[in-house]
């Protein structure tokens, strides 16, 4: 008798570019963001990328698309709020237009 397969799960990782709001250039700031532990929600799962002007976030394991939507919305809102507190913007794009 075969065992039933475990239910499928979903997860999302997104990378954002850290942008200077005045020049619209990429801004190398990930080290400073990560050093602000008291401001960073532990549920954000914030990780540095190779480029100092990028940040990666990862969702919790989700059971369905509704949970994914809620989680992605929460992550995006949290990253944007953190950037704004530091006078920065966040962009989600494959390549920065000035790069």
PDB file of N, CA and C in Angstrom:
ATOM      1  N   UNK A   1       0.844  -1.172   0.000  1.00  0.00           N
ATOM      2  CA  UNK A   1       0.000   0.000   0.000  1.00  0.00           C
ATOM      3  C   UNK A   1       0.894   1.242   0.000  1.00  0.00           C
ATOM      4  N   UNK A   2       0.631   2.156  -0.916  1.00  0.00           N
ATOM      5  CA  UNK A   2       1.445   3.365  -0.994  1.00  0.00           C
ATOM      6  C   UNK A   2       0.927   4.423  -0.026  1.00  0.00           C
ATOM      7  N   UNK A   3       1.858   5.223   0.439  1.00  0.00           N
ATOM      8  CA  UNK A   3       1.497   6.304   1.360  1.00  0.00           C
ATOM      9  C   UNK A   3       1.002   7.500   0.551  1.00  0.00           C
ATOM     10  N   UNK A   4       0.019   8.223   1.065  1.00  0.00           N
ATOM     11  CA  UNK A   4      -0.454   9.408   0.348  1.00  0.00           C
ATOM     12  C   UNK A   4       0.639  10.479   0.299  1.00  0.00           C
ATOM     13  N   UNK A   5       0.698  11.172  -0.806  1.00  0.00           N
ATOM     14  CA  UNK A   5       1.688  12.243  -0.961  1.00  0.00           C
ATOM     15  C   UNK A   5       1.324  13.415  -0.056  1.00  0.00           C
ATOM     16  N   UNK A   6       2.326  14.067   0.521  1.00  0.00           N
ATOM     17  CA  UNK A   6       2.029  15.244   1.341  1.00  0.00           C
ATOM     18  C   UNK A   6       1.449  16.349   0.455  1.00  0.00           C
ATOM     19  N   UNK A   7       0.654  17.235   1.029  1.00  0.00           N
ATOM     20  CA  UNK A   7       0.080  18.323   0.229  1.00  0.00           C
ATOM     21  C   UNK A   7       1.176  19.244  -0.311  1.00  0.00           C
ATOM     22  N   UNK A   8       0.945  19.759  -1.487  1.00  0.00           N
ATOM     23  CA  UNK A   8       1.902  20.692  -2.079  1.00  0.00           C
ATOM     24  C   UNK A   8       1.870  22.018  -1.328  1.00  0.00           C
ATOM     25  N   UNK A   9       3.012  22.673  -1.291  1.00  0.00           N
ATOM     26  CA  UNK A   9       3.109  23.983  -0.652  1.00  0.00           C
ATOM     27  C   UNK A   9       3.711  24.976  -1.637  1.00  0.00           C
ATOM     28  N   UNK A  10       3.587  26.238  -1.309  1.00  0.00           N
ATOM     29  CA  UNK A  10       4.089  27.319  -2.158  1.00  0.00           C
ATOM     30  C   UNK A  10       4.946  28.265  -1.336  1.00  0.00           C
ATOM     31  N   UNK A  11       5.889  28.882  -1.991  1.00  0.00           N
ATOM     32  CA  UNK A  11       6.705  29.910  -1.366  1.00  0.00           C
ATOM     33  C   UNK A  11       7.172  30.891  -2.424  1.00  0.00           C
ATOM     34  N   UNK A  12       7.490  32.094  -1.996  1.00  0.00           N
ATOM     35  CA  UNK A  12       7.899  33.141  -2.929  1.00  0.00           C
ATOM     36  C   UNK A  12       9.145  33.833  -2.397  1.00  0.00           C
ATOM     37  N   UNK A  13      10.105  34.059  -3.279  1.00  0.00           N
ATOM     38  CA  UNK A  13      11.240  34.926  -2.987  1.00  0.00           C
ATOM     39  C   UNK A  13      11.198  36.070  -3.984  1.00  0.00           C
ATOM     40  N   UNK A  14      11.420  37.265  -3.491  1.00  0.00           N
ATOM     41  CA  UNK A  14      11.485  38.427  -4.376  1.00  0.00           C
ATOM     42  C   UNK A  14      12.721  39.239  -4.031  1.00  0.00           C
ATOM     43  N   UNK A  15      13.279  39.844  -5.052  1.00  0.00           N
ATOM     44  CA  UNK A  15      14.412  40.741  -4.876  1.00  0.00           C
ATOM     45  C   UNK A  15      13.973  42.143  -5.267  1.00  0.00           C
ATOM     46  N   UNK A  16      14.408  43.114  -4.468  1.00  0.00           N
ATOM     47  CA  UNK A  16      14.063  44.507  -4.717  1.00  0.00           C
ATOM     48  C   UNK A  16      15.341  45.321  -4.828  1.00  0.00           C
ATOM     49  N   UNK A  17      15.266  46.365  -5.604  1.00  0.00           N
ATOM     50  CA  UNK A  17      16.378  47.289  -5.729  1.00  0.00           C
ATOM     51  C   UNK A  17      16.144  48.451  -4.768  1.00  0.00           C
ATOM     52  N   UNK A  18      17.210  48.884  -4.120  1.00  0.00           N
ATOM     53  CA  UNK A  18      17.151  50.018  -3.198  1.00  0.00           C
ATOM     54  C   UNK A  18      17.498  51.266  -4.007  1.00  0.00           C
ATOM     55  N   UNK A  19      16.587  52.237  -3.989  1.00  0.00           N
ATOM     56  CA  UNK A  19      16.694  53.396  -4.875  1.00  0.00           C
ATOM     57  C   UNK A  19      16.775  54.701  -4.081  1.00  0.00           C
ATOM     58  N   UNK A  20      17.659  55.595  -4.518  1.00  0.00           N
ATOM     59  CA  UNK A  20      17.719  56.952  -3.980  1.00  0.00           C
ATOM     60  C   UNK A  20      16.555  57.734  -4.590  1.00  0.00           C
ATOM     61  N   UNK A  21      15.666  58.310  -3.769  1.00  0.00           N
ATOM     62  CA  UNK A  21      14.480  58.972  -4.315  1.00  0.00           C
ATOM     63  C   UNK A  21      14.767  60.250  -5.106  1.00  0.00           C
ATOM     64  N   UNK A  22      15.898  60.890  -4.844  1.00  0.00           N
ATOM     65  CA  UNK A  22      16.207  62.131  -5.568  1.00  0.00           C
ATOM     66  C   UNK A  22      16.828  61.853  -6.929  1.00  0.00           C
ATOM     67  N   UNK A  23      17.820  60.969  -6.966  1.00  0.00           N
ATOM     68  CA  UNK A  23      18.536  60.704  -8.222  1.00  0.00           C
ATOM     69  C   UNK A  23      17.933  59.538  -9.004  1.00  0.00           C
ATOM     70  N   UNK A  24      17.162  58.700  -8.320  1.00  0.00           N
ATOM     71  CA  UNK A  24      16.605  57.462  -8.886  1.00  0.00           C
ATOM     72  C   UNK A  24      17.697  56.433  -9.208  1.00  0.00           C
ATOM     73  N   UNK A  25      18.904  56.661  -8.705  1.00  0.00           N
ATOM     74  CA  UNK A  25      19.995  55.708  -8.874  1.00  0.00           C
ATOM     75  C   UNK A  25      19.885  54.600  -7.838  1.00  0.00           C
ATOM     76  N   UNK A  26      20.523  53.481  -8.132  1.00  0.00           N
ATOM     77  CA  UNK A  26      20.648  52.420  -7.139  1.00  0.00           C
ATOM     78  C   UNK A  26      21.440  52.965  -5.956  1.00  0.00           C
ATOM     79  N   UNK A  27      21.093  52.520  -4.759  1.00  0.00           N
ATOM     80  CA  UNK A  27      21.741  53.022  -3.545  1.00  0.00           C
ATOM     81  C   UNK A  27      22.227  51.831  -2.722  1.00  0.00           C
ATOM     82  N   UNK A  28      23.532  51.731  -2.528  1.00  0.00           N
ATOM     83  CA  UNK A  28      24.118  50.633  -1.749  1.00  0.00           C
ATOM     84  C   UNK A  28      23.827  50.853  -0.273  1.00  0.00           C
ATOM     85  N   UNK A  29      22.815  50.148   0.248  1.00  0.00           N
ATOM     86  CA  UNK A  29      22.365  50.422   1.611  1.00  0.00           C
ATOM     87  C   UNK A  29      21.977  49.161   2.369  1.00  0.00           C
ATOM     88  N   UNK A  30      22.151  47.989   1.799  1.00  0.00           N
ATOM     89  CA  UNK A  30      21.666  46.776   2.458  1.00  0.00           C
ATOM     90  C   UNK A  30      22.360  46.539   3.797  1.00  0.00           C
ATOM     91  N   UNK A  31      23.643  46.835   3.895  1.00  0.00           N
ATOM     92  CA  UNK A  31      24.359  46.624   5.159  1.00  0.00           C
ATOM     93  C   UNK A  31      23.737  47.461   6.269  1.00  0.00           C
ATOM     94  N   UNK A  32      23.408  48.705   5.971  1.00  0.00           N
ATOM     95  CA  UNK A  32      22.789  49.584   6.962  1.00  0.00           C
ATOM     96  C   UNK A  32      21.393  49.086   7.347  1.00  0.00           C
ATOM     97  N   UNK A  33      20.624  48.631   6.361  1.00  0.00           N
ATOM     98  CA  UNK A  33      19.287  48.106   6.674  1.00  0.00           C
ATOM     99  C   UNK A  33      19.375  46.891   7.588  1.00  0.00           C
ATOM    100  N   UNK A  34      20.298  45.999   7.292  1.00  0.00           N
ATOM    101  CA  UNK A  34      20.423  44.785   8.101  1.00  0.00           C
ATOM    102  C   UNK A  34      20.934  45.072   9.506  1.00  0.00           C
ATOM    103  N   UNK A  35      21.644  46.174   9.685  1.00  0.00           N
ATOM    104  CA  UNK A  35      22.171  46.503  11.018  1.00  0.00           C
ATOM    105  C   UNK A  35      21.106  47.135  11.907  1.00  0.00           C
ATOM    106  N   UNK A  36      19.938  47.415  11.366  1.00  0.00           N
ATOM    107  CA  UNK A  36      18.858  48.043  12.125  1.00  0.00           C
ATOM    108  C   UNK A  36      17.905  46.986  12.669  1.00  0.00           C
ATOM    109  N   UNK A  37      18.441  46.052  13.425  1.00  0.00           N
ATOM    110  CA  UNK A  37      17.645  44.927  13.927  1.00  0.00           C
ATOM    111  C   UNK A  37      16.398  45.361  14.677  1.00  0.00           C
ATOM    112  N   UNK A  38      16.478  46.448  15.432  1.00  0.00           N
ATOM    113  CA  UNK A  38      15.323  46.862  16.223  1.00  0.00           C
ATOM    114  C   UNK A  38      14.183  47.360  15.341  1.00  0.00           C
ATOM    115  N   UNK A  39      14.490  47.809  14.134  1.00  0.00           N
ATOM    116  CA  UNK A  39      13.448  48.289  13.224  1.00  0.00           C
ATOM    117  C   UNK A  39      12.919  47.182  12.315  1.00  0.00           C
ATOM    118  N   UNK A  40      13.697  46.128  12.127  1.00  0.00           N
ATOM    119  CA  UNK A  40      13.323  45.097  11.174  1.00  0.00           C
ATOM    120  C   UNK A  40      12.413  44.057  11.817  1.00  0.00           C
ATOM    121  N   UNK A  41      11.223  43.879  11.270  1.00  0.00           N
ATOM    122  CA  UNK A  41      10.361  42.812  11.793  1.00  0.00           C
ATOM    123  C   UNK A  41      11.018  41.452  11.558  1.00  0.00           C
ATOM    124  N   UNK A  42      11.010  40.597  12.566  1.00  0.00           N
ATOM    125  CA  UNK A  42      11.628  39.280  12.400  1.00  0.00           C
ATOM    126  C   UNK A  42      10.901  38.450  11.356  1.00  0.00           C
ATOM    127  N   UNK A  43       9.642  38.741  11.129  1.00  0.00           N
ATOM    128  CA  UNK A  43       8.867  37.990  10.149  1.00  0.00           C
ATOM    129  C   UNK A  43       9.185  38.392   8.712  1.00  0.00           C
ATOM    130  N   UNK A  44      10.046  39.378   8.524  1.00  0.00           N
ATOM    131  CA  UNK A  44      10.347  39.857   7.178  1.00  0.00           C
ATOM    132  C   UNK A  44      11.288  38.920   6.425  1.00  0.00           C
ATOM    133  N   UNK A  45      12.137  38.186   7.134  1.00  0.00           N
ATOM    134  CA  UNK A  45      13.065  37.255   6.494  1.00  0.00           C
ATOM    135  C   UNK A  45      13.893  37.970   5.426  1.00  0.00           C
ATOM    136  N   UNK A  46      14.488  39.075   5.813  1.00  0.00           N
ATOM    137  CA  UNK A  46      15.279  39.921   4.931  1.00  0.00           C
ATOM    138  C   UNK A  46      16.675  39.339   4.775  1.00  0.00           C
ATOM    139  N   UNK A  47      17.167  39.276   3.527  1.00  0.00           N
ATOM    140  CA  UNK A  47      18.494  38.725   3.267  1.00  0.00           C
ATOM    141  C   UNK A  47      19.245  39.619   2.284  1.00  0.00           C
ATOM    142  N   UNK A  48      20.554  39.722   2.465  1.00  0.00           N
ATOM    143  CA  UNK A  48      21.333  40.523   1.513  1.00  0.00           C
ATOM    144  C   UNK A  48      21.521  39.764   0.203  1.00  0.00           C
ATOM    145  N   UNK A  49      21.808  40.494  -0.828  1.00  0.00           N
ATOM    146  CA  UNK A  49      22.152  39.931  -2.125  1.00  0.00           C
ATOM    147  C   UNK A  49      23.601  40.287  -2.410  1.00  0.00           C
ATOM    148  N   UNK A  50      24.132  39.785  -3.496  1.00  0.00           N
ATOM    149  CA  UNK A  50      25.506  40.085  -3.878  1.00  0.00           C
ATOM    150  C   UNK A  50      25.706  41.591  -4.057  1.00  0.00           C
ATOM    151  N   UNK A  51      24.762  42.227  -4.716  1.00  0.00           N
ATOM    152  CA  UNK A  51      24.824  43.673  -4.923  1.00  0.00           C
ATOM    153  C   UNK A  51      24.302  44.375  -3.665  1.00  0.00           C
ATOM    154  N   UNK A  52      25.032  45.355  -3.169  1.00  0.00           N
ATOM    155  CA  UNK A  52      24.644  46.079  -1.961  1.00  0.00           C
ATOM    156  C   UNK A  52      23.390  46.929  -2.149  1.00  0.00           C
ATOM    157  N   UNK A  53      22.965  47.085  -3.388  1.00  0.00           N
ATOM    158  CA  UNK A  53      21.762  47.874  -3.665  1.00  0.00           C
ATOM    159  C   UNK A  53      20.540  46.979  -3.854  1.00  0.00           C
ATOM    160  N   UNK A  54      20.647  45.716  -3.463  1.00  0.00           N
ATOM    161  CA  UNK A  54      19.522  44.793  -3.581  1.00  0.00           C
ATOM    162  C   UNK A  54      19.219  44.148  -2.242  1.00  0.00           C
ATOM    163  N   UNK A  55      17.962  43.784  -2.072  1.00  0.00           N
ATOM    164  CA  UNK A  55      17.516  43.083  -0.879  1.00  0.00           C
ATOM    165  C   UNK A  55      16.583  41.961  -1.321  1.00  0.00           C
ATOM    166  N   UNK A  56      16.647  40.849  -0.629  1.00  0.00           N
ATOM    167  CA  UNK A  56      15.780  39.709  -0.932  1.00  0.00           C
ATOM    168  C   UNK A  56      14.897  39.411   0.268  1.00  0.00           C
ATOM    169  N   UNK A  57      13.648  39.088   0.001  1.00  0.00           N
ATOM    170  CA  UNK A  57      12.735  38.632   1.042  1.00  0.00           C
ATOM    171  C   UNK A  57      12.162  37.291   0.618  1.00  0.00           C
ATOM    172  N   UNK A  58      11.797  36.490   1.603  1.00  0.00           N
ATOM    173  CA  UNK A  58      11.198  35.188   1.331  1.00  0.00           C
ATOM    174  C   UNK A  58       9.960  34.982   2.176  1.00  0.00           C
ATOM    175  N   UNK A  59       8.969  34.381   1.567  1.00  0.00           N
ATOM    176  CA  UNK A  59       7.705  34.149   2.269  1.00  0.00           C
ATOM    177  C   UNK A  59       7.817  32.949   3.196  1.00  0.00           C
ATOM    178  N   UNK A  60       6.824  32.836   4.054  1.00  0.00           N
ATOM    179  CA  UNK A  60       6.637  31.602   4.794  1.00  0.00           C
ATOM    180  C   UNK A  60       6.133  30.552   3.815  1.00  0.00           C
ATOM    181  N   UNK A  61       6.112  29.311   4.219  1.00  0.00           N
ATOM    182  CA  UNK A  61       5.513  28.258   3.405  1.00  0.00           C
ATOM    183  C   UNK A  61       4.000  28.465   3.412  1.00  0.00           C
ATOM    184  N   UNK A  62       3.426  28.519   2.225  1.00  0.00           N
ATOM    185  CA  UNK A  62       1.991  28.776   2.076  1.00  0.00           C
ATOM    186  C   UNK A  62       1.293  27.526   1.541  1.00  0.00           C
ATOM    187  N   UNK A  63       0.029  27.365   1.925  1.00  0.00           N
ATOM    188  CA  UNK A  63      -0.740  26.185   1.515  1.00  0.00           C
ATOM    189  C   UNK A  63      -1.571  26.408   0.268  1.00  0.00           C
ATOM    190  N   UNK A  64      -1.792  27.680  -0.086  1.00  0.00           N
ATOM    191  CA  UNK A  64      -2.630  27.952  -1.255  1.00  0.00           C
ATOM    192  C   UNK A  64      -2.330  29.358  -1.782  1.00  0.00           C
ATOM    193  N   UNK A  65      -2.941  29.682  -2.927  1.00  0.00           N
ATOM    194  CA  UNK A  65      -2.693  30.967  -3.577  1.00  0.00           C
ATOM    195  C   UNK A  65      -3.168  32.140  -2.721  1.00  0.00           C
ATOM    196  N   UNK A  66      -4.247  31.975  -1.994  1.00  0.00           N
ATOM    197  CA  UNK A  66      -4.739  33.051  -1.124  1.00  0.00           C
ATOM    198  C   UNK A  66      -3.679  33.418  -0.085  1.00  0.00           C
ATOM    199  N   UNK A  67      -3.058  32.415   0.528  1.00  0.00           N
ATOM    200  CA  UNK A  67      -1.997  32.680   1.506  1.00  0.00           C
ATOM    201  C   UNK A  67      -0.798  33.348   0.839  1.00  0.00           C
ATOM    202  N   UNK A  68      -0.458  32.917  -0.377  1.00  0.00           N
ATOM    203  CA  UNK A  68       0.664  33.529  -1.099  1.00  0.00           C
ATOM    204  C   UNK A  68       0.391  35.011  -1.329  1.00  0.00           C
ATOM    205  N   UNK A  69      -0.807  35.328  -1.791  1.00  0.00           N
ATOM    206  CA  UNK A  69      -1.163  36.730  -2.045  1.00  0.00           C
ATOM    207  C   UNK A  69      -1.033  37.563  -0.763  1.00  0.00           C
ATOM    208  N   UNK A  70      -1.551  37.061   0.346  1.00  0.00           N
ATOM    209  CA  UNK A  70      -1.466  37.789   1.616  1.00  0.00           C
ATOM    210  C   UNK A  70      -0.014  37.972   2.046  1.00  0.00           C
ATOM    211  N   UNK A  71       0.782  36.930   1.886  1.00  0.00           N
ATOM    212  CA  UNK A  71       2.178  36.972   2.304  1.00  0.00           C
ATOM    213  C   UNK A  71       2.989  37.934   1.432  1.00  0.00           C
ATOM    214  N   UNK A  72       2.808  37.879   0.128  1.00  0.00           N
ATOM    215  CA  UNK A  72       3.539  38.775  -0.770  1.00  0.00           C
ATOM    216  C   UNK A  72       3.147  40.228  -0.510  1.00  0.00           C
ATOM    217  N   UNK A  73       1.874  40.480  -0.289  1.00  0.00           N
ATOM    218  CA  UNK A  73       1.414  41.834   0.035  1.00  0.00           C
ATOM    219  C   UNK A  73       2.068  42.322   1.323  1.00  0.00           C
ATOM    220  N   UNK A  74       2.117  41.465   2.334  1.00  0.00           N
ATOM    221  CA  UNK A  74       2.732  41.824   3.616  1.00  0.00           C
ATOM    222  C   UNK A  74       4.225  42.120   3.442  1.00  0.00           C
ATOM    223  N   UNK A  75       4.922  41.258   2.704  1.00  0.00           N
ATOM    224  CA  UNK A  75       6.357  41.450   2.499  1.00  0.00           C
ATOM    225  C   UNK A  75       6.647  42.752   1.761  1.00  0.00           C
ATOM    226  N   UNK A  76       5.915  42.991   0.690  1.00  0.00           N
ATOM    227  CA  UNK A  76       6.139  44.214  -0.090  1.00  0.00           C
ATOM    228  C   UNK A  76       5.865  45.461   0.735  1.00  0.00           C
ATOM    229  N   UNK A  77       4.797  45.445   1.493  1.00  0.00           N
ATOM    230  CA  UNK A  77       4.459  46.596   2.335  1.00  0.00           C
ATOM    231  C   UNK A  77       5.554  46.822   3.387  1.00  0.00           C
ATOM    232  N   UNK A  78       6.022  45.758   3.998  1.00  0.00           N
ATOM    233  CA  UNK A  78       7.045  45.876   5.046  1.00  0.00           C
ATOM    234  C   UNK A  78       8.359  46.415   4.498  1.00  0.00           C
ATOM    235  N   UNK A  79       8.786  45.917   3.341  1.00  0.00           N
ATOM    236  CA  UNK A  79      10.040  46.387   2.747  1.00  0.00           C
ATOM    237  C   UNK A  79       9.922  47.856   2.356  1.00  0.00           C
ATOM    238  N   UNK A  80       8.798  48.231   1.783  1.00  0.00           N
ATOM    239  CA  UNK A  80       8.594  49.629   1.401  1.00  0.00           C
ATOM    240  C   UNK A  80       8.601  50.540   2.625  1.00  0.00           C
ATOM    241  N   UNK A  81       7.933  50.137   3.703  1.00  0.00           N
ATOM    242  CA  UNK A  81       7.922  50.940   4.929  1.00  0.00           C
ATOM    243  C   UNK A  81       9.325  51.094   5.495  1.00  0.00           C
ATOM    244  N   UNK A  82      10.101  50.010   5.492  1.00  0.00           N
ATOM    245  CA  UNK A  82      11.465  50.072   6.006  1.00  0.00           C
ATOM    246  C   UNK A  82      12.308  51.023   5.158  1.00  0.00           C
ATOM    247  N   UNK A  83      12.170  50.941   3.849  1.00  0.00           N
ATOM    248  CA  UNK A  83      12.925  51.833   2.962  1.00  0.00           C
ATOM    249  C   UNK A  83      12.534  53.286   3.205  1.00  0.00           C
ATOM    250  N   UNK A  84      11.241  53.547   3.294  1.00  0.00           N
ATOM    251  CA  UNK A  84      10.768  54.921   3.499  1.00  0.00           C
ATOM    252  C   UNK A  84      11.270  55.505   4.814  1.00  0.00           C
ATOM    253  N   UNK A  85      11.370  54.688   5.858  1.00  0.00           N
ATOM    254  CA  UNK A  85      11.904  55.162   7.145  1.00  0.00           C
ATOM    255  C   UNK A  85      13.349  55.622   7.003  1.00  0.00           C
ATOM    256  N   UNK A  86      14.037  55.098   5.992  1.00  0.00           N
ATOM    257  CA  UNK A  86      15.433  55.443   5.753  1.00  0.00           C
ATOM    258  C   UNK A  86      15.591  56.416   4.586  1.00  0.00           C
ATOM    259  N   UNK A  87      14.480  57.014   4.152  1.00  0.00           N
ATOM    260  CA  UNK A  87      14.535  57.991   3.076  1.00  0.00           C
ATOM    261  C   UNK A  87      14.827  57.394   1.711  1.00  0.00           C
ATOM    262  N   UNK A  88      14.451  56.142   1.507  1.00  0.00           N
ATOM    263  CA  UNK A  88      14.747  55.437   0.260  1.00  0.00           C
ATOM    264  C   UNK A  88      13.475  54.915  -0.386  1.00  0.00           C
ATOM    265  N   UNK A  89      13.617  54.444  -1.603  1.00  0.00           N
ATOM    266  CA  UNK A  89      12.523  53.793  -2.318  1.00  0.00           C
ATOM    267  C   UNK A  89      12.922  52.367  -2.654  1.00  0.00           C
ATOM    268  N   UNK A  90      11.942  51.577  -3.038  1.00  0.00           N
ATOM    269  CA  UNK A  90      12.168  50.195  -3.454  1.00  0.00           C
ATOM    270  C   UNK A  90      11.587  50.029  -4.853  1.00  0.00           C
ATOM    271  N   UNK A  91      12.306  49.310  -5.699  1.00  0.00           N
ATOM    272  CA  UNK A  91      11.807  48.999  -7.040  1.00  0.00           C
ATOM    273  C   UNK A  91      11.943  47.503  -7.277  1.00  0.00           C
ATOM    274  N   UNK A  92      10.989  46.963  -7.988  1.00  0.00           N
ATOM    275  CA  UNK A  92      11.055  45.560  -8.403  1.00  0.00           C
ATOM    276  C   UNK A  92      11.151  45.551  -9.921  1.00  0.00           C
ATOM    277  N   UNK A  93      12.334  45.233 -10.437  1.00  0.00           N
ATOM    278  CA  UNK A  93      12.564  45.209 -11.878  1.00  0.00           C
ATOM    279  C   UNK A  93      13.713  44.256 -12.168  1.00  0.00           C
ATOM    280  N   UNK A  94      13.724  43.699 -13.349  1.00  0.00           N
ATOM    281  CA  UNK A  94      14.803  42.762 -13.668  1.00  0.00           C
ATOM    282  C   UNK A  94      16.140  43.486 -13.787  1.00  0.00           C
ATOM    283  N   UNK A  95      16.142  44.675 -14.369  1.00  0.00           N
ATOM    284  CA  UNK A  95      17.361  45.463 -14.516  1.00  0.00           C
ATOM    285  C   UNK A  95      17.031  46.929 -14.263  1.00  0.00           C
ATOM    286  N   UNK A  96      17.860  47.586 -13.476  1.00  0.00           N
ATOM    287  CA  UNK A  96      17.660  49.012 -13.232  1.00  0.00           C
ATOM    288  C   UNK A  96      17.914  49.774 -14.531  1.00  0.00           C
ATOM    289  N   UNK A  97      17.063  50.745 -14.860  1.00  0.00           N
ATOM    290  CA  UNK A  97      17.198  51.436 -16.150  1.00  0.00           C
ATOM    291  C   UNK A  97      18.510  52.189 -16.339  1.00  0.00           C
ATOM    292  N   UNK A  98      19.183  52.571 -15.241  1.00  0.00           N
ATOM    293  CA  UNK A  98      20.446  53.287 -15.379  1.00  0.00           C
ATOM    294  C   UNK A  98      21.649  52.348 -15.322  1.00  0.00           C
ATOM    295  N   UNK A  99      21.417  51.071 -15.038  1.00  0.00           N
ATOM    296  CA  UNK A  99      22.532  50.126 -14.839  1.00  0.00           C
ATOM    297  C   UNK A  99      23.206  49.779 -16.148  1.00  0.00           C
TER     298      UNK A  99
END
